[in-house]
Protein backbone atom coordinates (compact mmCIF):
# COMPACT_ATOMS: atom_id res chain seq x y z
CA MET A 1 -84.50 -24.26 28.30
CA ASN A 2 -82.86 -27.37 26.90
CA LYS A 3 -79.37 -26.31 25.95
CA HIS A 4 -80.00 -28.77 22.56
CA ILE A 5 -83.55 -27.31 22.23
CA GLN A 6 -81.93 -23.96 22.64
CA PHE A 7 -79.38 -24.62 19.78
CA SER A 8 -81.66 -26.22 17.57
CA LEU A 9 -83.56 -22.75 17.80
CA THR A 10 -80.84 -20.90 16.95
CA ILE A 11 -79.33 -22.68 14.35
CA LEU A 12 -83.09 -23.09 12.59
CA LEU A 13 -83.22 -18.62 13.06
CA LEU A 14 -79.40 -18.76 11.48
CA SER A 15 -81.05 -20.93 8.68
CA VAL A 16 -83.62 -18.80 7.52
CA SER A 17 -81.55 -15.42 8.16
CA ILE A 18 -79.12 -16.76 5.43
CA ILE A 19 -81.75 -18.37 3.23
CA VAL A 20 -83.33 -14.65 2.86
CA ASN A 21 -80.63 -12.90 2.85
CA ALA A 22 -78.95 -15.14 -0.11
CA GLN A 23 -82.15 -14.22 -1.98
CA GLU A 24 -81.44 -10.42 -1.58
CA ILE A 25 -80.78 -8.96 -4.82
CA ILE A 26 -80.10 -4.96 -3.86
CA LYS A 27 -77.54 -4.45 -1.14
CA GLY A 28 -77.39 -1.08 -0.01
CA PRO A 29 -80.18 0.97 0.30
CA LYS A 30 -81.81 0.85 4.14
CA ASN A 31 -85.45 1.58 2.14
CA THR A 32 -86.45 -1.87 1.01
CA THR A 33 -88.35 -4.52 1.15
CA GLY A 34 -88.50 -7.82 -0.17
CA LEU A 35 -91.26 -10.93 -1.38
CA LYS A 36 -90.66 -14.25 -2.01
CA LYS A 37 -92.94 -15.86 -4.21
CA GLY A 38 -96.20 -17.77 -2.91
CA SER A 39 -96.35 -15.65 0.02
CA SER A 40 -99.70 -13.46 0.63
CA ALA A 41 -97.66 -10.28 2.36
CA LEU A 42 -98.34 -6.79 0.96
CA PRO A 43 -94.83 -5.07 1.23
CA GLN A 44 -94.41 -1.59 0.44
CA VAL A 45 -91.78 0.77 0.67
CA ARG A 46 -93.26 4.33 1.16
CA PHE A 47 -90.67 7.11 -0.55
CA LYS A 48 -89.67 10.65 0.91
CA THR A 49 -91.53 12.07 -1.90
CA GLY A 50 -94.87 10.55 -1.13
CA GLU A 51 -94.85 7.47 -3.44
CA MET A 52 -95.28 4.06 -2.59
CA VAL A 53 -94.42 0.79 -4.00
CA MET A 54 -96.47 -2.40 -3.29
CA MET A 55 -95.35 -5.87 -4.05
CA LYS A 56 -97.92 -8.41 -4.15
CA ASN A 57 -98.17 -12.48 -5.54
CA THR A 58 -101.26 -12.98 -7.97
CA GLU A 59 -102.10 -15.44 -10.15
CA ASP A 60 -100.52 -13.89 -12.84
CA GLY A 61 -96.94 -13.50 -11.18
CA MET A 62 -95.69 -11.28 -8.99
CA ASN A 63 -96.90 -7.92 -9.18
CA PHE A 64 -95.01 -4.23 -9.07
CA ASP A 65 -97.45 -1.40 -8.44
CA LEU A 66 -96.70 2.40 -7.99
CA ILE A 67 -99.14 4.56 -5.81
CA LYS A 68 -99.40 7.99 -6.07
CA ASN A 69 -101.88 10.37 -4.90
CA GLY A 70 -104.17 7.31 -4.66
CA LYS A 71 -103.75 5.89 -8.33
CA THR A 72 -102.30 2.78 -8.52
CA THR A 73 -100.33 2.06 -11.51
CA ALA A 74 -97.97 -1.39 -12.78
CA LEU A 75 -94.58 -0.61 -13.33
CA PHE A 76 -94.59 -3.34 -15.66
CA ASP A 77 -96.36 -7.02 -16.76
CA PRO A 78 -96.87 -9.22 -13.50
CA CYS A 79 -93.35 -11.44 -12.94
CA LEU A 80 -94.69 -15.26 -13.43
CA ASP A 81 -90.87 -16.65 -13.23
CA CYS A 82 -89.78 -14.24 -9.95
CA VAL A 83 -89.01 -16.32 -6.90
CA TYR A 84 -88.20 -13.19 -4.80
CA GLY A 85 -88.79 -9.68 -5.39
CA GLN A 86 -87.30 -6.47 -3.92
CA THR A 87 -87.95 -2.80 -4.39
CA SER A 88 -86.29 -0.06 -2.56
CA GLU A 89 -85.90 3.95 -3.14
CA PHE A 90 -82.04 5.26 -3.85
CA ASP A 91 -80.67 8.36 -5.58
CA ILE A 92 -78.24 6.12 -7.52
CA ASP A 93 -76.50 9.63 -9.09
CA GLY A 94 -76.17 12.05 -6.21
CA ASP A 95 -78.76 14.46 -7.47
CA GLY A 96 -80.72 14.37 -4.53
CA LYS A 97 -83.65 12.57 -6.33
CA THR A 98 -84.03 9.24 -5.26
CA GLU A 99 -84.78 6.43 -8.35
CA VAL A 100 -87.07 3.19 -7.74
CA LEU A 101 -85.32 0.38 -7.50
CA VAL A 102 -87.08 -3.10 -8.68
CA GLY A 103 -85.07 -6.35 -8.69
CA SER A 104 -86.80 -9.76 -9.23
CA ARG A 105 -84.84 -12.87 -8.76
CA LEU A 106 -85.99 -14.95 -11.72
CA THR A 107 -83.87 -18.07 -10.27
CA LEU A 108 -81.23 -18.74 -7.37
CA GLU A 109 -78.56 -17.83 -10.14
CA THR A 110 -80.23 -14.96 -11.99
CA PHE A 111 -81.87 -11.60 -11.01
CA GLU A 112 -82.92 -8.49 -13.24
CA VAL A 113 -82.89 -4.88 -11.75
CA LYS A 114 -85.01 -1.56 -13.28
CA ILE A 115 -84.20 1.29 -12.85
CA TYR A 116 -86.66 4.31 -12.97
CA LYS A 117 -86.19 7.60 -13.07
CA LYS A 118 -88.58 10.82 -12.73
CA ALA A 119 -87.00 13.32 -15.50
CA GLU A 120 -86.90 16.97 -14.45
CA PHE A 121 -90.78 18.57 -14.84
CA GLU A 122 -91.86 15.03 -15.57
CA VAL A 123 -94.81 13.45 -13.34
CA ASP A 124 -93.88 10.00 -14.02
CA TYR A 125 -91.68 7.36 -13.70
CA LYS A 126 -90.24 5.94 -16.91
CA LEU A 127 -87.47 3.17 -17.41
CA PHE A 128 -84.09 4.56 -17.11
CA SER A 129 -81.97 1.28 -17.57
CA THR A 130 -81.83 -2.62 -16.34
CA ILE A 131 -78.84 -4.92 -15.28
CA ASN A 132 -78.97 -8.21 -15.15
CA GLY A 133 -77.03 -10.34 -12.98
CA GLN A 134 -76.13 -13.40 -10.48
CA ASP A 135 -76.01 -12.97 -7.11
CA HIS A 136 -76.91 -9.52 -6.23
CA CYS A 137 -76.11 -5.68 -7.00
CA GLU A 138 -74.92 -2.62 -4.97
CA PHE A 139 -75.41 0.72 -5.78
CA LEU A 140 -72.75 3.42 -4.77
CA GLY A 141 -74.47 6.49 -5.15
CA ASP A 142 -72.09 7.73 -7.88
CA ASN A 143 -74.01 6.85 -10.89
CA THR A 144 -71.92 3.07 -10.80
CA VAL A 145 -73.33 0.23 -9.46
CA LYS A 146 -71.18 -2.79 -8.35
CA ILE A 147 -72.87 -6.35 -9.77
CA TYR A 148 -71.67 -9.47 -8.15
CA THR A 149 -70.82 -13.23 -9.48
CA LEU A 150 -71.90 -16.21 -7.49
CA GLU A 151 -68.08 -16.09 -6.82
CA LEU A 152 -68.46 -12.58 -6.02
CA LYS A 153 -66.35 -11.12 -8.33
CA ALA A 154 -67.63 -7.88 -9.34
CA ALA A 155 -68.37 -5.80 -12.43
CA HIS A 156 -68.26 -2.13 -11.70
CA LEU A 157 -70.78 -0.30 -14.10
CA LYS A 158 -71.15 3.79 -14.53
CA PHE A 159 -74.59 4.96 -16.10
CA LYS A 160 -74.81 7.76 -18.84
CA SER A 161 -77.09 10.01 -19.51
CA ASP A 162 -79.34 7.68 -21.33
CA GLY A 163 -79.24 4.90 -19.17
CA SER A 164 -76.87 2.90 -21.01
CA TRP A 165 -73.82 1.90 -19.19
CA ILE A 166 -69.71 1.28 -19.28
CA VAL A 167 -67.92 -0.59 -17.73
CA LEU A 168 -65.49 1.00 -15.28
CA GLU A 169 -63.84 -2.57 -14.17
CA GLU A 170 -63.90 -6.06 -13.72
């Protein structure tokens, strides 16, 4: 293959990789997937406990559905303004139980992450907390999260038991 063509293909693949990674909202968890607006893909994350979150684009917006025991339930109303969605499972507080993380990028400079928890002796996941930011966030597994600005400055937050949080450092 011609060196110029090979170089062009390498640059193209690198550009696509950078664009996809730039959209990523939740960094850190290994079990994660994402969906771009307009894509016909149906990405899904299957959790250790058997549940699954499937994302899909419809005329109403981006849908995030929890599938459990053959039953499909919308986690929240479709997100009409989402340009990118991401979902993952992660044990945010180190208690051995995974939470459902759902991220939506509303613009290139803003995101929202909803955290769903299943309380002791509960069957369904319930909204625990919501965080907003600019670039991305990183869950550390010790009941804290770092939220990064576009300049990659971080705010370090700690979750309280009621889902609210306190700022540890900025």
